Amino acid sequence: MNSEQGIALEYELKGGDFEIAGEASSKIKRVLQQIGVRSDVIRRIAISSYEAEMNVIIHAWSGVLKARVFPDRTEIIVEDQGPGIADIDLAMQEGYSTAPDHIREMGFGAGMGLPNMVRCSDEFAINSVAGQGTRINIVIRHS
């Protein structure tokens, strides 16, 4: 693996498409397993990428999940086009959710997505613009 470029993975996400929900994070997990990343690190990356992927599918119209895997870290960037997050501090609270009832009835939208991403990451940043969308940057170190 070239330490300068890493392995670049990119997945298009479509809001409301629960048929493929979780596929992007599963593919990232498979790549990490193939290149020998430690299982505890893979778990943190898989949780973070899954939660981010599901947030796009639940809340946005569309988005993209990008992962760059380097020898010492994995960087995840998720950008969506959607309603944005009106109050990031409130959204970061465990259990807070704006997911509609039909999403909750499917077992999603419990309000743990952002808190789980923060818990699993070494670096976490979120930026959101109402009516435009949200960008999340996550870094998880491999050591």
N, C-alpha and C. Protein backbone atom coordinates (compact mmCIF):
# COMPACT_ATOMS: atom_id res chain seq x y z
N MET A 1 0.85 -1.17 0.00
CA MET A 1 0.00 0.00 0.00
C MET A 1 0.89 1.23 0.00
N ASN A 2 0.64 2.12 -0.90
CA ASN A 2 1.40 3.37 -0.97
C ASN A 2 0.98 4.25 0.21
N SER A 3 1.94 4.58 1.08
CA SER A 3 1.61 5.32 2.29
C SER A 3 1.14 6.74 1.99
N GLU A 4 1.47 7.27 0.81
CA GLU A 4 1.05 8.62 0.45
C GLU A 4 -0.41 8.65 0.02
N GLN A 5 -0.82 7.67 -0.77
CA GLN A 5 -2.16 7.67 -1.36
C GLN A 5 -3.16 6.82 -0.60
N GLY A 6 -2.71 5.73 -0.02
CA GLY A 6 -3.62 4.82 0.65
C GLY A 6 -4.53 4.12 -0.34
N ILE A 7 -5.50 3.42 0.19
CA ILE A 7 -6.53 2.75 -0.62
C ILE A 7 -7.76 3.64 -0.55
N ALA A 8 -8.28 4.03 -1.71
CA ALA A 8 -9.44 4.91 -1.76
C ALA A 8 -10.69 4.11 -2.12
N LEU A 9 -11.71 4.22 -1.30
CA LEU A 9 -12.98 3.56 -1.52
C LEU A 9 -14.07 4.63 -1.54
N GLU A 10 -15.04 4.48 -2.42
CA GLU A 10 -16.10 5.48 -2.51
C GLU A 10 -17.42 4.80 -2.86
N TYR A 11 -18.47 5.19 -2.14
CA TYR A 11 -19.78 4.58 -2.32
C TYR A 11 -20.86 5.66 -2.38
N GLU A 12 -21.69 5.58 -3.41
CA GLU A 12 -22.83 6.49 -3.54
C GLU A 12 -23.95 5.96 -2.65
N LEU A 13 -24.63 6.87 -1.97
CA LEU A 13 -25.73 6.51 -1.09
C LEU A 13 -26.99 7.24 -1.54
N LYS A 14 -28.12 6.56 -1.42
CA LYS A 14 -29.39 7.15 -1.82
C LYS A 14 -30.33 7.16 -0.63
N GLY A 15 -30.84 8.32 -0.31
CA GLY A 15 -31.77 8.44 0.80
C GLY A 15 -32.96 7.53 0.63
N GLY A 16 -33.34 6.85 1.71
CA GLY A 16 -34.50 5.97 1.69
C GLY A 16 -34.26 4.59 1.11
N ASP A 17 -33.05 4.30 0.62
CA ASP A 17 -32.78 3.02 -0.01
C ASP A 17 -32.29 2.00 1.03
N PHE A 18 -33.22 1.43 1.77
CA PHE A 18 -32.88 0.47 2.82
C PHE A 18 -32.48 -0.89 2.27
N GLU A 19 -32.74 -1.11 0.97
CA GLU A 19 -32.34 -2.38 0.34
C GLU A 19 -30.82 -2.55 0.36
N ILE A 20 -30.09 -1.46 0.21
CA ILE A 20 -28.63 -1.55 0.19
C ILE A 20 -27.99 -0.99 1.46
N ALA A 21 -28.82 -0.69 2.45
CA ALA A 21 -28.32 -0.13 3.71
C ALA A 21 -27.29 -1.06 4.34
N GLY A 22 -26.13 -0.53 4.63
CA GLY A 22 -25.06 -1.30 5.25
C GLY A 22 -24.05 -1.90 4.29
N GLU A 23 -24.34 -1.86 2.99
CA GLU A 23 -23.42 -2.46 2.02
C GLU A 23 -22.07 -1.75 1.97
N ALA A 24 -22.07 -0.43 1.99
CA ALA A 24 -20.81 0.32 1.91
C ALA A 24 -19.92 -0.01 3.10
N SER A 25 -20.47 0.02 4.31
CA SER A 25 -19.66 -0.27 5.49
C SER A 25 -19.19 -1.73 5.49
N SER A 26 -19.99 -2.64 4.98
CA SER A 26 -19.57 -4.05 4.88
C SER A 26 -18.42 -4.22 3.90
N LYS A 27 -18.46 -3.49 2.80
CA LYS A 27 -17.36 -3.57 1.81
C LYS A 27 -16.08 -2.99 2.39
N ILE A 28 -16.19 -1.90 3.13
CA ILE A 28 -15.00 -1.32 3.78
C ILE A 28 -14.42 -2.33 4.76
N LYS A 29 -15.27 -2.95 5.55
CA LYS A 29 -14.83 -3.94 6.53
C LYS A 29 -14.08 -5.09 5.85
N ARG A 30 -14.60 -5.54 4.72
CA ARG A 30 -13.97 -6.65 3.99
C ARG A 30 -12.57 -6.27 3.50
N VAL A 31 -12.42 -5.05 2.98
CA VAL A 31 -11.11 -4.59 2.52
C VAL A 31 -10.13 -4.55 3.69
N LEU A 32 -10.58 -4.02 4.82
CA LEU A 32 -9.71 -3.92 6.00
C LEU A 32 -9.27 -5.31 6.48
N GLN A 33 -10.18 -6.27 6.43
CA GLN A 33 -9.84 -7.64 6.82
C GLN A 33 -8.80 -8.22 5.87
N GLN A 34 -8.97 -7.96 4.57
CA GLN A 34 -8.06 -8.51 3.55
C GLN A 34 -6.65 -7.98 3.70
N ILE A 35 -6.52 -6.73 4.15
CA ILE A 35 -5.17 -6.16 4.26
C ILE A 35 -4.59 -6.33 5.67
N GLY A 36 -5.33 -6.99 6.56
CA GLY A 36 -4.78 -7.35 7.86
C GLY A 36 -4.87 -6.31 8.96
N VAL A 37 -5.81 -5.38 8.88
CA VAL A 37 -6.02 -4.42 9.96
C VAL A 37 -6.55 -5.20 11.17
N ARG A 38 -6.13 -4.81 12.36
CA ARG A 38 -6.54 -5.49 13.59
C ARG A 38 -8.06 -5.48 13.74
N SER A 39 -8.61 -6.55 14.27
CA SER A 39 -10.06 -6.70 14.36
C SER A 39 -10.72 -5.64 15.26
N ASP A 40 -10.05 -5.22 16.34
CA ASP A 40 -10.65 -4.19 17.19
C ASP A 40 -10.74 -2.85 16.47
N VAL A 41 -9.78 -2.58 15.61
CA VAL A 41 -9.79 -1.35 14.82
C VAL A 41 -10.86 -1.45 13.74
N ILE A 42 -10.94 -2.60 13.09
CA ILE A 42 -11.98 -2.82 12.06
C ILE A 42 -13.37 -2.60 12.66
N ARG A 43 -13.57 -3.07 13.87
CA ARG A 43 -14.87 -2.91 14.53
C ARG A 43 -15.22 -1.43 14.67
N ARG A 44 -14.29 -0.62 15.11
CA ARG A 44 -14.54 0.82 15.28
C ARG A 44 -14.84 1.49 13.94
N ILE A 45 -14.10 1.10 12.91
CA ILE A 45 -14.31 1.67 11.58
C ILE A 45 -15.67 1.23 11.03
N ALA A 46 -16.00 -0.04 11.22
CA ALA A 46 -17.27 -0.57 10.72
C ALA A 46 -18.46 0.11 11.40
N ILE A 47 -18.37 0.32 12.70
CA ILE A 47 -19.46 0.99 13.42
C ILE A 47 -19.60 2.42 12.92
N SER A 48 -18.49 3.14 12.84
CA SER A 48 -18.53 4.55 12.40
C SER A 48 -19.08 4.68 10.99
N SER A 49 -18.60 3.85 10.08
CA SER A 49 -19.05 3.96 8.70
C SER A 49 -20.51 3.53 8.56
N TYR A 50 -20.93 2.51 9.30
CA TYR A 50 -22.32 2.07 9.25
C TYR A 50 -23.26 3.16 9.76
N GLU A 51 -22.92 3.75 10.91
CA GLU A 51 -23.77 4.80 11.47
C GLU A 51 -23.87 5.99 10.52
N ALA A 52 -22.75 6.36 9.91
CA ALA A 52 -22.75 7.49 8.97
C ALA A 52 -23.58 7.15 7.73
N GLU A 53 -23.40 5.94 7.23
CA GLU A 53 -24.15 5.48 6.06
C GLU A 53 -25.66 5.49 6.35
N MET A 54 -26.04 4.98 7.51
CA MET A 54 -27.46 4.93 7.86
C MET A 54 -28.04 6.33 8.04
N ASN A 55 -27.26 7.26 8.58
CA ASN A 55 -27.76 8.62 8.72
C ASN A 55 -28.11 9.23 7.37
N VAL A 56 -27.29 8.95 6.36
CA VAL A 56 -27.60 9.46 5.01
C VAL A 56 -28.88 8.81 4.50
N ILE A 57 -28.98 7.50 4.63
CA ILE A 57 -30.15 6.78 4.11
C ILE A 57 -31.43 7.21 4.83
N ILE A 58 -31.33 7.46 6.14
CA ILE A 58 -32.50 7.85 6.92
C ILE A 58 -32.89 9.31 6.69
N HIS A 59 -31.91 10.21 6.67
CA HIS A 59 -32.22 11.64 6.76
C HIS A 59 -32.00 12.45 5.48
N ALA A 60 -31.16 11.99 4.56
CA ALA A 60 -30.78 12.82 3.41
C ALA A 60 -31.41 12.31 2.12
N TRP A 61 -31.22 13.10 1.07
CA TRP A 61 -31.71 12.71 -0.25
C TRP A 61 -30.68 11.84 -0.95
N SER A 62 -29.41 12.18 -0.77
CA SER A 62 -28.34 11.40 -1.37
C SER A 62 -27.04 11.75 -0.65
N GLY A 63 -26.01 10.99 -0.96
CA GLY A 63 -24.73 11.27 -0.34
C GLY A 63 -23.66 10.36 -0.87
N VAL A 64 -22.46 10.57 -0.34
CA VAL A 64 -21.32 9.74 -0.72
C VAL A 64 -20.52 9.44 0.55
N LEU A 65 -20.07 8.20 0.64
CA LEU A 65 -19.21 7.77 1.73
C LEU A 65 -17.86 7.43 1.12
N LYS A 66 -16.82 8.10 1.61
CA LYS A 66 -15.47 7.86 1.11
C LYS A 66 -14.61 7.37 2.27
N ALA A 67 -13.81 6.37 2.00
CA ALA A 67 -12.86 5.87 2.99
C ALA A 67 -11.48 5.84 2.35
N ARG A 68 -10.51 6.36 3.06
CA ARG A 68 -9.11 6.28 2.63
C ARG A 68 -8.37 5.52 3.71
N VAL A 69 -7.78 4.40 3.30
CA VAL A 69 -7.09 3.53 4.24
C VAL A 69 -5.59 3.71 4.05
N PHE A 70 -4.93 4.14 5.11
CA PHE A 70 -3.48 4.32 5.14
C PHE A 70 -2.89 3.29 6.10
N PRO A 71 -1.59 3.09 6.09
CA PRO A 71 -1.01 2.11 7.01
C PRO A 71 -1.31 2.40 8.48
N ASP A 72 -1.41 3.66 8.85
CA ASP A 72 -1.57 4.02 10.26
C ASP A 72 -2.97 4.48 10.65
N ARG A 73 -3.87 4.68 9.67
CA ARG A 73 -5.18 5.23 9.99
C ARG A 73 -6.15 4.99 8.83
N THR A 74 -7.44 5.13 9.14
CA THR A 74 -8.48 5.16 8.13
C THR A 74 -9.24 6.46 8.30
N GLU A 75 -9.45 7.14 7.20
CA GLU A 75 -10.21 8.39 7.20
C GLU A 75 -11.54 8.13 6.49
N ILE A 76 -12.62 8.55 7.13
CA ILE A 76 -13.95 8.40 6.55
C ILE A 76 -14.54 9.79 6.38
N ILE A 77 -15.02 10.06 5.18
CA ILE A 77 -15.70 11.32 4.90
C ILE A 77 -17.06 10.98 4.33
N VAL A 78 -18.09 11.55 4.94
CA VAL A 78 -19.45 11.34 4.46
C VAL A 78 -20.04 12.72 4.19
N GLU A 79 -20.49 12.91 2.96
CA GLU A 79 -21.13 14.17 2.56
C GLU A 79 -22.51 13.84 2.03
N ASP A 80 -23.49 14.57 2.52
CA ASP A 80 -24.83 14.32 1.99
C ASP A 80 -25.49 15.61 1.52
N GLN A 81 -26.48 15.43 0.68
CA GLN A 81 -27.35 16.50 0.26
C GLN A 81 -28.67 16.20 0.95
N GLY A 82 -29.06 17.08 1.83
CA GLY A 82 -30.27 16.83 2.60
C GLY A 82 -30.66 18.06 3.38
N PRO A 83 -31.51 17.86 4.37
CA PRO A 83 -32.03 18.99 5.13
C PRO A 83 -31.01 19.62 6.08
N GLY A 84 -29.89 18.94 6.31
CA GLY A 84 -28.91 19.45 7.26
C GLY A 84 -29.38 19.20 8.69
N ILE A 85 -28.56 19.61 9.63
CA ILE A 85 -28.86 19.43 11.04
C ILE A 85 -29.03 20.81 11.66
N ALA A 86 -30.23 21.10 12.14
CA ALA A 86 -30.52 22.43 12.68
C ALA A 86 -29.73 22.73 13.95
N ASP A 87 -29.60 21.73 14.83
CA ASP A 87 -28.92 21.93 16.12
C ASP A 87 -27.96 20.76 16.35
N ILE A 88 -26.70 20.95 15.99
CA ILE A 88 -25.71 19.86 16.09
C ILE A 88 -25.53 19.42 17.53
N ASP A 89 -25.48 20.36 18.47
CA ASP A 89 -25.31 19.99 19.88
C ASP A 89 -26.43 19.07 20.35
N LEU A 90 -27.65 19.38 19.97
CA LEU A 90 -28.79 18.54 20.32
C LEU A 90 -28.69 17.18 19.63
N ALA A 91 -28.32 17.17 18.36
CA ALA A 91 -28.19 15.92 17.60
C ALA A 91 -27.10 15.01 18.16
N MET A 92 -26.12 15.58 18.84
CA MET A 92 -25.02 14.79 19.41
C MET A 92 -25.43 14.11 20.72
N GLN A 93 -26.58 14.44 21.27
CA GLN A 93 -27.02 13.84 22.53
C GLN A 93 -27.57 12.44 22.28
N GLU A 94 -27.12 11.48 23.10
CA GLU A 94 -27.60 10.11 22.97
C GLU A 94 -29.11 10.06 23.10
N GLY A 95 -29.75 9.38 22.16
CA GLY A 95 -31.19 9.19 22.20
C GLY A 95 -32.00 10.26 21.47
N TYR A 96 -31.36 11.37 21.10
CA TYR A 96 -32.09 12.40 20.35
C TYR A 96 -32.17 11.98 18.89
N SER A 97 -33.36 12.03 18.32
CA SER A 97 -33.53 11.62 16.92
C SER A 97 -34.65 12.42 16.27
N THR A 98 -34.44 12.73 15.01
CA THR A 98 -35.51 13.35 14.22
C THR A 98 -36.09 12.35 13.22
N ALA A 99 -35.72 11.09 13.37
CA ALA A 99 -36.22 10.06 12.46
C ALA A 99 -37.74 9.91 12.63
N PRO A 100 -38.46 9.84 11.50
CA PRO A 100 -39.92 9.67 11.59
C PRO A 100 -40.30 8.29 12.14
N ASP A 101 -41.53 8.16 12.58
CA ASP A 101 -42.00 6.92 13.19
C ASP A 101 -41.80 5.70 12.30
N HIS A 102 -42.05 5.82 10.99
CA HIS A 102 -41.93 4.65 10.12
C HIS A 102 -40.48 4.14 10.07
N ILE A 103 -39.51 5.01 10.25
CA ILE A 103 -38.11 4.61 10.30
C ILE A 103 -37.82 3.90 11.62
N ARG A 104 -38.35 4.45 12.71
CA ARG A 104 -38.17 3.84 14.03
C ARG A 104 -38.81 2.46 14.08
N GLU A 105 -39.95 2.30 13.42
CA GLU A 105 -40.63 1.01 13.39
C GLU A 105 -39.80 -0.05 12.67
N MET A 106 -38.91 0.39 11.76
CA MET A 106 -38.01 -0.55 11.07
C MET A 106 -36.79 -0.88 11.93
N GLY A 107 -36.67 -0.23 13.09
CA GLY A 107 -35.54 -0.51 13.98
C GLY A 107 -34.38 0.46 13.86
N PHE A 108 -34.58 1.55 13.14
CA PHE A 108 -33.53 2.56 12.95
C PHE A 108 -33.95 3.85 13.64
N GLY A 109 -33.02 4.80 13.69
CA GLY A 109 -33.35 6.13 14.19
C GLY A 109 -33.45 6.23 15.70
N ALA A 110 -32.62 5.47 16.42
CA ALA A 110 -32.66 5.49 17.89
C ALA A 110 -31.89 6.66 18.49
N GLY A 111 -31.25 7.46 17.65
CA GLY A 111 -30.52 8.60 18.18
C GLY A 111 -29.14 8.28 18.71
N MET A 112 -28.55 7.20 18.22
CA MET A 112 -27.22 6.80 18.69
C MET A 112 -26.15 6.93 17.60
N GLY A 113 -26.54 7.31 16.39
CA GLY A 113 -25.61 7.38 15.27
C GLY A 113 -24.42 8.29 15.51
N LEU A 114 -24.68 9.56 15.74
CA LEU A 114 -23.58 10.51 15.96
C LEU A 114 -22.79 10.17 17.23
N PRO A 115 -23.45 9.90 18.37
CA PRO A 115 -22.67 9.52 19.56
C PRO A 115 -21.80 8.28 19.34
N ASN A 116 -22.30 7.29 18.61
CA ASN A 116 -21.48 6.09 18.32
C ASN A 116 -20.28 6.43 17.43
N MET A 117 -20.48 7.33 16.46
CA MET A 117 -19.37 7.75 15.61
C MET A 117 -18.28 8.42 16.45
N VAL A 118 -18.69 9.32 17.32
CA VAL A 118 -17.73 10.02 18.18
C VAL A 118 -17.00 9.01 19.07
N ARG A 119 -17.73 8.10 19.68
CA ARG A 119 -17.16 7.11 20.59
C ARG A 119 -16.11 6.22 19.89
N CYS A 120 -16.34 5.91 18.64
CA CYS A 120 -15.44 4.99 17.92
C CYS A 120 -14.28 5.69 17.22
N SER A 121 -14.30 7.01 17.16
CA SER A 121 -13.29 7.72 16.37
C SER A 121 -12.19 8.32 17.25
N ASP A 122 -11.05 8.55 16.63
CA ASP A 122 -9.96 9.28 17.28
C ASP A 122 -10.09 10.77 16.99
N GLU A 123 -10.64 11.10 15.84
CA GLU A 123 -10.92 12.48 15.46
C GLU A 123 -12.29 12.50 14.80
N PHE A 124 -13.08 13.51 15.15
CA PHE A 124 -14.43 13.61 14.62
C PHE A 124 -14.75 15.08 14.37
N ALA A 125 -15.29 15.39 13.20
CA ALA A 125 -15.71 16.75 12.89
C ALA A 125 -17.01 16.67 12.09
N ILE A 126 -17.90 17.60 12.37
CA ILE A 126 -19.17 17.65 11.66
C ILE A 126 -19.47 19.09 11.29
N ASN A 127 -19.97 19.26 10.07
CA ASN A 127 -20.37 20.57 9.60
C ASN A 127 -21.69 20.38 8.85
N SER A 128 -22.66 21.23 9.16
CA SER A 128 -23.96 21.08 8.52
C SER A 128 -24.54 22.45 8.19
N VAL A 129 -25.17 22.52 7.03
CA VAL A 129 -25.83 23.75 6.61
C VAL A 129 -27.29 23.40 6.34
N ALA A 130 -28.19 24.09 7.04
CA ALA A 130 -29.62 23.84 6.89
C ALA A 130 -30.03 23.97 5.42
N GLY A 131 -30.75 22.98 4.94
CA GLY A 131 -31.25 22.99 3.57
C GLY A 131 -30.24 22.55 2.53
N GLN A 132 -29.01 22.30 2.93
CA GLN A 132 -27.97 21.89 1.97
C GLN A 132 -27.40 20.51 2.26
N GLY A 133 -27.05 20.26 3.52
CA GLY A 133 -26.51 18.94 3.84
C GLY A 133 -25.50 18.97 4.95
N THR A 134 -24.87 17.82 5.13
CA THR A 134 -23.96 17.60 6.25
C THR A 134 -22.70 16.91 5.76
N ARG A 135 -21.57 17.27 6.38
CA ARG A 135 -20.30 16.61 6.11
C ARG A 135 -19.71 16.15 7.43
N ILE A 136 -19.32 14.89 7.46
CA ILE A 136 -18.70 14.30 8.65
C ILE A 136 -17.32 13.79 8.27
N ASN A 137 -16.33 14.13 9.07
CA ASN A 137 -14.96 13.63 8.90
C ASN A 137 -14.60 12.82 10.15
N ILE A 138 -14.14 11.60 9.91
CA ILE A 138 -13.76 10.70 11.00
C ILE A 138 -12.36 10.17 10.70
N VAL A 139 -11.52 10.13 11.72
CA VAL A 139 -10.21 9.49 11.62
C VAL A 139 -10.13 8.43 12.72
N ILE A 140 -9.73 7.24 12.32
CA ILE A 140 -9.51 6.15 13.28
C ILE A 140 -8.09 5.63 13.04
N ARG A 141 -7.28 5.74 14.07
CA ARG A 141 -5.89 5.28 13.98
C ARG A 141 -5.83 3.77 14.17
N HIS A 142 -4.89 3.14 13.50
CA HIS A 142 -4.76 1.69 13.52
C HIS A 142 -3.91 1.19 14.68
N SER A 143 -3.31 2.09 15.44
CA SER A 143 -2.46 1.63 16.55
C SER A 143 -3.02 2.03 17.88
